[in-house]
Amino acid sequence: MIAALIRLCLANRGLVLALAAGLAVWGLWALRHTPLDALPDLSDTQVILRTEWPGQTPRIVEDQVTYPLTTTMLSVPGVRAVRGYSFFGDSFVYVLFDDHTDLYWARSRVLEYLSQVRERLPAGVTPALGPDATGVGWIYEYALIDRSGRHDPGQLRSLQDWLLRYELKTIPDVAEVATVGGMVNAWQIVPDPQALAARGVTVAQLVAAIDAANGASGGSVIEQGEAELMVRSEGYLHGARAFEQVPVASVDGVPVLLGEVASVRRGPTLRRGIAELDGEGEVTGGVIVLRSGKDALAAIEQVKARLAQLRASLPAGVEIVTVYDRSTLIKAAVGNLSRKLAEEFLVVALVCLLFLWHLRSALVAVVTLPLGVLAAFIVMHYQGITANLLSLGGIAIAIGAMVDAAVVMIENA
């Protein structure tokens, strides 16, 4: 069998060389387009549902949000397990699918089944899908630091939420930019119980008046000749003075203003934790999450380039500090294995040349190695396998088997 194959190749040398060259070009293309990562992604195909219900205890969240969601998701096709977690004001549901399930197909089916459960949830509660990422998608983290002391945590949080976050989300391979630390600024209205009682105003009236005043509505159009004038009512509240002028009730024909029964101030919303760096104080940070199946190294390089551009837009004294960068591990791992593969190629070539003591026979064994490795990258590319420690280590181990096969062919020739 082997002898016949060798005779066939010798009789069609041009075709064999053309096929080998084509395989090499195809393999080089696959090598350039194979995503790089430090570790293989062995996580489950999962879809995360997060539901916010501010102010509610874990027991209420469990009974009215988490339980209906988990029981509904159990009937989604391909689901292997459903896990629900209830916290103060938050519900998380993890829907785990069978292996080899397409992530985007899974997300579409979860959305389909969400429409069946929405009417069973409390009013104003809307579940949201998590990012289209995997369990190893956390690739980069940075922190905003103000060494001058001129910006408080609320201002740093605003910079992260309204500038950096949206700019970084435009990078194609980034699934999510999560914010950690800082304070979310908001207008706080503190009712005065004595003033409310004196004027006969309830807290419910206070809330309803603010909701009605803070908004806009349309009033159709007025036609004047060939022109149409659009009518609208704008009532968005900007600043403490605007809040204080909102009428909340009427006593004997005299309006009761919000400023008479409550105080308006700027302050942070309720938060459940802080972010601290190196024990030097509180910071605001961002976490970059990689989109599923994308090249981690390429995404990190794009993130770094975008952050370098955004540094010029930051206020004086504010710095962006890298906290976690997976590209360092990726480059070290891939670089180390690449050097070991090159050394192994060289050693195998020298050993074949010395022991076979025939240049052309040694070249057969030596040429087989790069072609075999490039063919492996073709398979990896179309199977969606990244170039990581595990896959490159397997290639390094397989080199010995490839050399053995080449030597056997030479000896039988």
Protein backbone atom coordinates (compact mmCIF):
# COMPACT_ATOMS: atom_id res chain seq x y z
CA MET A 1 0.00 0.00 0.00
CA ILE A 2 2.71 2.48 1.02
CA ALA A 3 4.95 1.41 -1.87
CA ALA A 4 2.11 1.93 -4.37
CA LEU A 5 1.40 5.36 -2.91
CA ILE A 6 5.07 6.33 -3.21
CA ARG A 7 5.19 5.15 -6.85
CA LEU A 8 2.04 7.17 -7.58
CA CYS A 9 3.58 10.31 -6.08
CA LEU A 10 6.83 9.81 -8.00
CA ALA A 11 4.91 9.43 -11.23
CA ASN A 12 3.01 12.70 -10.61
CA ARG A 13 5.65 14.92 -9.05
CA GLY A 14 4.22 18.15 -10.41
CA LEU A 15 0.77 17.43 -9.05
CA VAL A 16 2.18 16.46 -5.64
CA LEU A 17 4.25 19.66 -5.44
CA ALA A 18 1.23 21.75 -6.46
CA LEU A 19 -0.96 20.09 -3.82
CA ALA A 20 1.74 20.60 -1.18
CA ALA A 21 2.09 24.27 -2.12
CA GLY A 22 -1.68 24.72 -2.03
CA LEU A 23 -1.87 23.04 1.37
CA ALA A 24 0.90 25.33 2.66
CA VAL A 25 -0.86 28.48 1.42
CA TRP A 26 -4.19 27.34 2.86
CA GLY A 27 -2.51 26.51 6.16
CA LEU A 28 -0.78 29.89 6.35
CA TRP A 29 -4.12 31.61 5.72
CA ALA A 30 -5.75 29.55 8.48
CA LEU A 31 -2.83 30.33 10.80
CA ARG A 32 -3.31 34.07 10.31
CA HIS A 33 -7.06 33.85 10.92
CA THR A 34 -7.04 31.47 13.90
CA PRO A 35 -7.98 33.36 17.10
CA LEU A 36 -5.30 33.53 19.80
CA ASP A 37 -6.01 33.00 23.48
CA ALA A 38 -4.14 31.82 26.54
CA LEU A 39 -6.57 29.11 27.64
CA PRO A 40 -9.18 27.03 25.80
CA ASP A 41 -12.82 27.89 26.31
CA LEU A 42 -14.30 24.87 28.09
CA SER A 43 -17.33 26.69 29.50
CA ASP A 44 -20.92 25.71 28.81
CA THR A 45 -23.09 27.38 26.23
CA GLN A 46 -25.17 29.61 28.47
CA VAL A 47 -27.57 32.52 28.31
CA ILE A 48 -27.83 34.81 31.33
CA LEU A 49 -31.01 36.64 32.29
CA ARG A 50 -30.73 39.57 34.68
CA THR A 51 -33.80 41.23 36.14
CA GLU A 52 -33.72 44.34 38.31
CA TRP A 53 -36.44 45.03 40.88
CA PRO A 54 -35.05 47.75 43.14
CA GLY A 55 -35.82 47.69 46.84
CA GLN A 56 -37.22 44.15 47.00
CA THR A 57 -35.95 41.46 49.37
CA PRO A 58 -34.41 38.21 48.03
CA ARG A 59 -37.49 36.20 49.08
CA ILE A 60 -39.89 38.41 47.11
CA VAL A 61 -37.52 38.44 44.12
CA GLU A 62 -37.31 34.64 44.29
CA ASP A 63 -41.08 34.11 44.43
CA GLN A 64 -42.21 36.68 41.87
CA VAL A 65 -39.29 36.87 39.41
CA THR A 66 -36.74 34.06 39.66
CA TYR A 67 -39.20 31.18 40.04
CA PRO A 68 -41.40 32.09 37.02
CA LEU A 69 -38.31 32.59 34.85
CA THR A 70 -36.59 29.33 35.82
CA THR A 71 -39.71 27.20 35.38
CA THR A 72 -40.37 28.71 31.95
CA MET A 73 -36.77 28.26 30.75
CA LEU A 74 -36.86 24.55 31.62
CA SER A 75 -38.92 23.90 28.49
CA VAL A 76 -36.54 25.64 26.06
CA PRO A 77 -35.22 23.11 23.49
CA GLY A 78 -31.68 21.91 24.17
CA VAL A 79 -31.58 23.14 27.77
CA ARG A 80 -29.49 20.97 30.09
CA ALA A 81 -29.89 22.91 33.34
CA VAL A 82 -31.37 26.15 34.67
CA ARG A 83 -29.94 27.89 37.73
CA GLY A 84 -31.59 30.81 39.48
CA TYR A 85 -30.10 33.21 42.03
CA SER A 86 -32.02 35.87 43.95
CA PHE A 87 -30.43 38.89 45.61
CA PHE A 88 -31.58 42.16 47.07
CA GLY A 89 -33.20 43.91 44.10
CA ASP A 90 -31.68 41.54 41.50
CA SER A 91 -32.42 38.17 39.92
CA PHE A 92 -29.98 36.12 37.83
CA VAL A 93 -31.02 33.07 35.81
CA TYR A 94 -28.40 30.97 34.02
CA VAL A 95 -29.76 28.82 31.17
CA LEU A 96 -27.23 26.09 30.27
CA PHE A 97 -27.52 24.32 26.91
CA ASP A 98 -26.18 21.06 25.52
CA ASP A 99 -22.67 20.99 24.10
CA HIS A 100 -22.19 22.25 20.53
CA THR A 101 -25.38 24.34 20.72
CA ASP A 102 -25.01 27.55 18.74
CA LEU A 103 -24.96 30.48 21.16
CA TYR A 104 -27.05 32.81 19.01
CA TRP A 105 -29.65 30.12 18.35
CA ALA A 106 -29.86 29.61 22.12
CA ARG A 107 -30.29 33.34 22.73
CA SER A 108 -33.09 33.57 20.17
CA ARG A 109 -34.96 30.66 21.77
CA VAL A 110 -34.62 32.20 25.23
CA LEU A 111 -36.05 35.46 23.88
CA GLU A 112 -38.93 33.51 22.35
CA TYR A 113 -39.81 31.90 25.68
CA LEU A 114 -39.43 35.19 27.54
CA SER A 115 -42.51 36.47 25.73
CA GLN A 116 -44.52 33.73 27.47
CA VAL A 117 -43.52 34.77 30.98
CA ARG A 118 -43.54 38.57 30.79
CA GLU A 119 -47.21 38.86 31.73
CA ARG A 120 -46.58 36.81 34.90
CA LEU A 121 -43.90 39.20 36.16
CA PRO A 122 -44.62 42.26 38.33
CA ALA A 123 -45.39 45.54 36.59
CA GLY A 124 -42.29 47.41 35.48
CA VAL A 125 -40.02 44.36 35.78
CA THR A 126 -38.30 43.47 32.50
CA PRO A 127 -35.67 40.70 32.15
CA ALA A 128 -32.61 41.49 30.05
CA LEU A 129 -30.22 39.12 28.30
CA GLY A 130 -26.58 39.12 29.31
CA PRO A 131 -23.77 39.67 26.78
CA ASP A 132 -23.08 37.14 24.03
CA ALA A 133 -19.91 36.02 25.77
CA THR A 134 -18.51 32.92 27.47
CA GLY A 135 -17.25 32.16 30.95
CA VAL A 136 -13.68 33.11 29.97
CA GLY A 137 -14.59 36.35 28.19
CA TRP A 138 -13.10 38.68 30.82
CA ILE A 139 -10.03 39.87 28.88
CA TYR A 140 -9.16 43.39 30.09
CA GLU A 141 -9.81 45.65 33.05
CA TYR A 142 -8.87 49.25 33.71
CA ALA A 143 -9.39 51.80 36.47
CA LEU A 144 -10.00 55.56 36.47
CA ILE A 145 -7.79 57.25 39.05
CA ASP A 146 -7.75 60.91 40.07
CA ARG A 147 -4.44 61.59 41.80
CA SER A 148 -5.21 65.31 42.03
CA GLY A 149 -8.27 64.78 44.26
CA ARG A 150 -10.42 67.18 42.24
CA HIS A 151 -12.99 64.59 41.12
CA ASP A 152 -15.22 62.56 43.41
CA PRO A 153 -16.31 58.93 42.74
CA GLY A 154 -19.58 60.15 41.22
CA GLN A 155 -17.79 62.23 38.60
CA LEU A 156 -15.43 59.37 37.76
CA ARG A 157 -18.43 57.06 37.39
CA SER A 158 -20.07 59.55 35.02
CA LEU A 159 -16.90 59.64 32.89
CA GLN A 160 -16.93 55.85 32.70
CA ASP A 161 -20.65 55.49 31.98
CA TRP A 162 -21.10 58.34 29.51
CA LEU A 163 -17.73 58.53 27.73
CA LEU A 164 -15.46 55.51 27.97
CA ARG A 165 -18.16 52.85 28.05
CA TYR A 166 -19.94 53.92 24.88
CA GLU A 167 -16.70 54.47 22.97
CA LEU A 168 -15.37 51.03 23.87
CA LYS A 169 -18.66 49.32 23.00
CA THR A 170 -18.19 50.39 19.37
CA ILE A 171 -15.29 47.92 19.04
CA PRO A 172 -16.74 44.98 17.03
CA ASP A 173 -15.30 42.14 19.15
CA VAL A 174 -16.37 43.63 22.51
CA ALA A 175 -19.61 42.15 23.86
CA GLU A 176 -19.92 44.31 26.98
CA VAL A 177 -18.16 47.02 28.94
CA ALA A 178 -19.17 46.55 32.57
CA THR A 179 -18.66 49.29 35.15
CA VAL A 180 -17.42 48.60 38.68
CA GLY A 181 -17.09 51.01 41.58
CA GLY A 182 -17.90 54.68 41.77
CA MET A 183 -21.25 56.26 42.54
CA VAL A 184 -24.24 56.82 40.27
CA ASN A 185 -25.43 60.40 40.76
CA ALA A 186 -29.14 61.13 41.00
CA TRP A 187 -31.57 63.76 42.24
CA GLN A 188 -32.76 62.84 45.73
CA ILE A 189 -36.08 64.13 47.05
CA VAL A 190 -36.34 63.96 50.85
CA PRO A 191 -39.94 64.56 52.07
CA ASP A 192 -40.59 66.58 55.22
CA PRO A 193 -43.23 64.58 57.18
CA GLN A 194 -44.40 67.60 59.18
CA ALA A 195 -44.80 69.78 56.08
CA LEU A 196 -46.67 66.99 54.29
CA ALA A 197 -49.04 66.51 57.23
CA ALA A 198 -49.65 70.25 57.60
CA ARG A 199 -50.75 70.54 53.96
CA GLY A 200 -52.52 67.19 53.74
CA VAL A 201 -50.22 65.84 51.04
CA THR A 202 -49.30 62.15 50.84
CA VAL A 203 -46.09 60.59 49.57
CA ALA A 204 -48.07 58.92 46.78
CA GLN A 205 -49.22 62.36 45.58
CA LEU A 206 -45.61 63.51 45.70
CA VAL A 207 -44.43 60.65 43.50
CA ALA A 208 -47.31 61.03 41.05
CA ALA A 209 -46.70 64.77 40.68
CA ILE A 210 -43.00 64.28 39.92
CA ASP A 211 -43.75 61.55 37.36
CA ALA A 212 -46.32 63.74 35.64
CA ALA A 213 -44.08 66.81 35.57
CA ASN A 214 -40.91 65.10 34.33
CA GLY A 215 -41.71 64.21 30.73
CA ALA A 216 -42.82 65.41 27.33
CA SER A 217 -45.89 64.92 25.16
CA GLY A 218 -46.97 65.69 21.63
CA GLY A 219 -49.98 67.74 20.52
CA SER A 220 -50.28 66.92 16.83
CA VAL A 221 -49.63 69.71 14.27
CA ILE A 222 -51.04 73.06 13.20
CA GLU A 223 -51.22 73.67 9.45
CA GLN A 224 -50.39 77.17 8.25
CA GLY A 225 -50.37 77.34 4.49
CA GLU A 226 -47.76 74.90 3.25
CA ALA A 227 -46.10 74.62 6.65
CA GLU A 228 -46.83 72.29 9.54
CA LEU A 229 -46.08 73.51 13.06
CA MET A 230 -45.56 70.64 15.48
CA VAL A 231 -47.02 71.13 18.95
CA ARG A 232 -45.24 69.63 21.91
CA SER A 233 -45.08 70.01 25.64
CA GLU A 234 -41.65 69.73 27.24
CA GLY A 235 -41.41 69.19 30.97
CA TYR A 236 -38.06 67.58 31.61
CA LEU A 237 -36.66 68.72 34.93
CA HIS A 238 -33.13 70.10 34.96
CA GLY A 239 -31.68 71.20 38.27
CA ALA A 240 -32.92 71.50 41.83
CA ARG A 241 -34.81 74.73 41.12
CA ALA A 242 -36.98 73.01 38.50
CA PHE A 243 -37.87 70.21 40.92
CA GLU A 244 -38.77 72.65 43.68
CA GLN A 245 -41.28 74.45 41.41
CA VAL A 246 -43.31 71.30 40.66
CA PRO A 247 -46.90 71.62 42.05
CA VAL A 248 -47.86 68.52 44.02
CA ALA A 249 -51.30 69.51 45.36
CA SER A 250 -53.71 72.41 45.80
CA VAL A 251 -54.99 73.72 49.16
CA ASP A 252 -57.87 76.20 48.95
CA GLY A 253 -56.89 77.03 45.38
CA VAL A 254 -53.26 77.68 46.30
CA PRO A 255 -50.73 75.28 44.73
CA VAL A 256 -48.38 73.43 47.06
CA LEU A 257 -44.91 73.29 45.51
CA LEU A 258 -42.46 70.44 45.96
CA GLY A 259 -39.92 72.74 47.57
CA GLU A 260 -42.40 73.51 50.38
CA VAL A 261 -42.83 69.88 51.49
CA ALA A 262 -39.48 68.29 50.55
CA SER A 263 -35.83 69.10 50.01
CA VAL A 264 -34.06 68.41 46.70
CA ARG A 265 -30.39 67.52 46.59
CA ARG A 266 -27.83 65.81 44.41
CA GLY A 267 -26.47 62.51 45.73
CA PRO A 268 -25.54 58.89 44.97
CA THR A 269 -27.98 56.05 44.51
CA LEU A 270 -27.85 52.93 46.65
CA ARG A 271 -24.83 50.77 45.88
CA ARG A 272 -23.85 47.27 46.95
CA GLY A 273 -20.04 47.44 46.89
CA ILE A 274 -16.93 49.42 46.03
CA ALA A 275 -13.85 49.02 43.84
CA GLU A 276 -10.45 49.64 45.42
CA LEU A 277 -7.00 49.46 43.83
CA ASP A 278 -3.80 48.54 45.69
CA GLY A 279 -5.24 49.72 49.00
CA GLU A 280 -4.88 53.36 47.91
CA GLY A 281 -8.55 54.25 47.91
CA GLU A 282 -11.71 53.90 45.88
CA VAL A 283 -11.63 53.93 42.08
CA THR A 284 -14.03 53.48 39.18
CA GLY A 285 -13.21 50.71 36.73
CA GLY A 286 -14.33 49.04 33.55
CA VAL A 287 -14.30 45.38 32.54
CA ILE A 288 -14.02 44.42 28.87
CA VAL A 289 -15.88 41.22 27.95
CA LEU A 290 -14.97 39.47 24.69
CA ARG A 291 -17.66 38.43 22.23
CA SER A 292 -17.97 34.66 21.84
CA GLY A 293 -15.62 33.10 19.27
CA LYS A 294 -13.56 36.25 18.65
CA ASP A 295 -9.80 36.80 18.79
CA ALA A 296 -8.89 37.89 22.32
CA LEU A 297 -5.49 39.32 21.38
CA ALA A 298 -6.86 41.40 18.50
CA ALA A 299 -9.70 42.71 20.67
CA ILE A 300 -7.30 43.74 23.46
CA GLU A 301 -5.09 45.60 21.00
CA GLN A 302 -8.14 47.50 19.72
CA VAL A 303 -9.19 48.34 23.28
CA LYS A 304 -5.72 49.68 24.10
CA ALA A 305 -5.68 51.80 20.95
CA ARG A 306 -9.12 53.27 21.73
CA LEU A 307 -8.16 54.04 25.34
CA ALA A 308 -5.03 55.80 24.12
CA GLN A 309 -7.24 58.04 21.96
CA LEU A 310 -9.66 58.72 24.82
CA ARG A 311 -6.96 59.81 27.27
CA ALA A 312 -6.87 63.22 25.60
CA SER A 313 -10.59 63.69 26.38
CA LEU A 314 -10.25 63.10 30.13
CA PRO A 315 -10.21 65.98 32.61
CA ALA A 316 -6.89 67.10 34.03
CA GLY A 317 -5.62 64.77 36.73
CA VAL A 318 -7.67 61.72 35.67
CA GLU A 319 -5.66 58.70 34.51
CA ILE A 320 -6.53 55.32 32.98
CA VAL A 321 -4.57 52.52 34.66
CA THR A 322 -4.49 48.95 33.36
CA VAL A 323 -5.50 46.49 36.07
CA TYR A 324 -5.72 43.21 34.13
CA ASP A 325 -4.44 42.49 30.63
CA ARG A 326 -4.74 38.97 29.25
CA SER A 327 -2.61 39.82 26.21
CA THR A 328 0.51 39.52 28.39
CA LEU A 329 -0.35 35.90 29.18
CA ILE A 330 -1.38 35.19 25.58
CA LYS A 331 1.88 36.53 24.13
CA ALA A 332 3.98 34.72 26.73
CA ALA A 333 2.18 31.40 26.23
CA VAL A 334 2.05 31.49 22.44
CA GLY A 335 5.58 32.88 22.16
CA ASN A 336 7.03 30.21 24.44
CA LEU A 337 5.31 27.37 22.58
CA SER A 338 6.29 28.86 19.21
CA ARG A 339 9.95 28.88 20.27
CA LYS A 340 9.69 25.31 21.51
CA LEU A 341 8.12 24.23 18.22
CA ALA A 342 10.92 25.89 16.25
CA GLU A 343 13.54 24.22 18.43
CA GLU A 344 11.79 20.89 17.98
CA PHE A 345 11.75 21.33 14.21
CA LEU A 346 15.47 22.03 14.21
CA VAL A 347 16.35 19.08 16.45
CA VAL A 348 14.21 16.68 14.43
CA ALA A 349 15.79 17.87 11.17
CA LEU A 350 19.32 17.39 12.52
CA VAL A 351 18.53 13.95 13.95
CA CYS A 352 16.95 12.81 10.67
CA LEU A 353 19.93 14.09 8.69
CA LEU A 354 22.50 12.43 10.97
CA PHE A 355 20.81 9.05 11.30
CA LEU A 356 19.49 8.71 7.75
CA TRP A 357 22.69 10.25 6.33
CA HIS A 358 20.85 11.09 3.15
CA LEU A 359 19.89 14.69 2.41
CA ARG A 360 16.86 14.04 0.19
CA SER A 361 15.46 11.41 2.55
CA ALA A 362 15.91 13.77 5.50
CA LEU A 363 14.13 16.54 3.57
CA VAL A 364 11.08 14.29 3.17
CA ALA A 365 10.81 13.96 6.94
CA VAL A 366 11.55 17.64 7.58
CA VAL A 367 9.06 18.97 4.99
CA THR A 368 6.35 16.72 6.43
CA LEU A 369 6.46 18.56 9.76
CA PRO A 370 5.45 22.10 8.68
CA LEU A 371 2.86 20.73 6.26
CA GLY A 372 1.34 18.62 9.03
CA VAL A 373 1.26 21.56 11.43
CA LEU A 374 -0.32 23.85 8.81
CA ALA A 375 -2.92 21.18 8.06
CA ALA A 376 -3.71 21.07 11.79
CA PHE A 377 -4.32 24.83 11.77
CA ILE A 378 -6.75 24.40 8.86
CA VAL A 379 -8.79 21.95 10.92
CA MET A 380 -8.57 24.19 14.01
CA HIS A 381 -9.81 27.20 12.05
CA TYR A 382 -12.91 25.47 10.70
CA GLN A 383 -13.64 23.77 14.02
CA GLY A 384 -13.50 27.12 15.85
CA ILE A 385 -10.57 26.07 18.05
CA THR A 386 -8.30 28.87 19.26
CA ALA A 387 -4.51 28.71 19.28
CA ASN A 388 -3.88 28.31 23.00
CA LEU A 389 -1.70 26.42 25.46
CA LEU A 390 -3.63 23.19 25.06
CA SER A 391 -3.93 23.11 21.26
CA LEU A 392 -0.33 24.21 20.59
CA GLY A 393 0.93 21.77 23.21
CA GLY A 394 -0.91 18.98 21.40
CA ILE A 395 0.77 19.97 18.14
CA ALA A 396 4.17 19.86 19.84
CA ILE A 397 3.49 16.35 21.14
CA ALA A 398 2.22 15.20 17.72
CA ILE A 399 5.46 16.18 15.96
CA GLY A 400 7.12 12.99 17.18
CA ALA A 401 4.35 10.85 15.68
CA MET A 402 4.58 12.72 12.36
CA VAL A 403 8.35 12.13 12.19
CA ASP A 404 7.88 8.43 12.89
CA ALA A 405 5.41 8.14 10.01
CA ALA A 406 7.76 9.96 7.64
CA VAL A 407 10.72 7.76 8.59
CA VAL A 408 8.63 4.60 8.07
CA MET A 409 7.69 5.81 4.58
CA ILE A 410 11.35 6.49 3.75
CA GLU A 411 12.49 3.09 4.95
CA ASN A 412 9.81 1.38 2.86
CA ALA A 413 10.71 3.34 -0.27
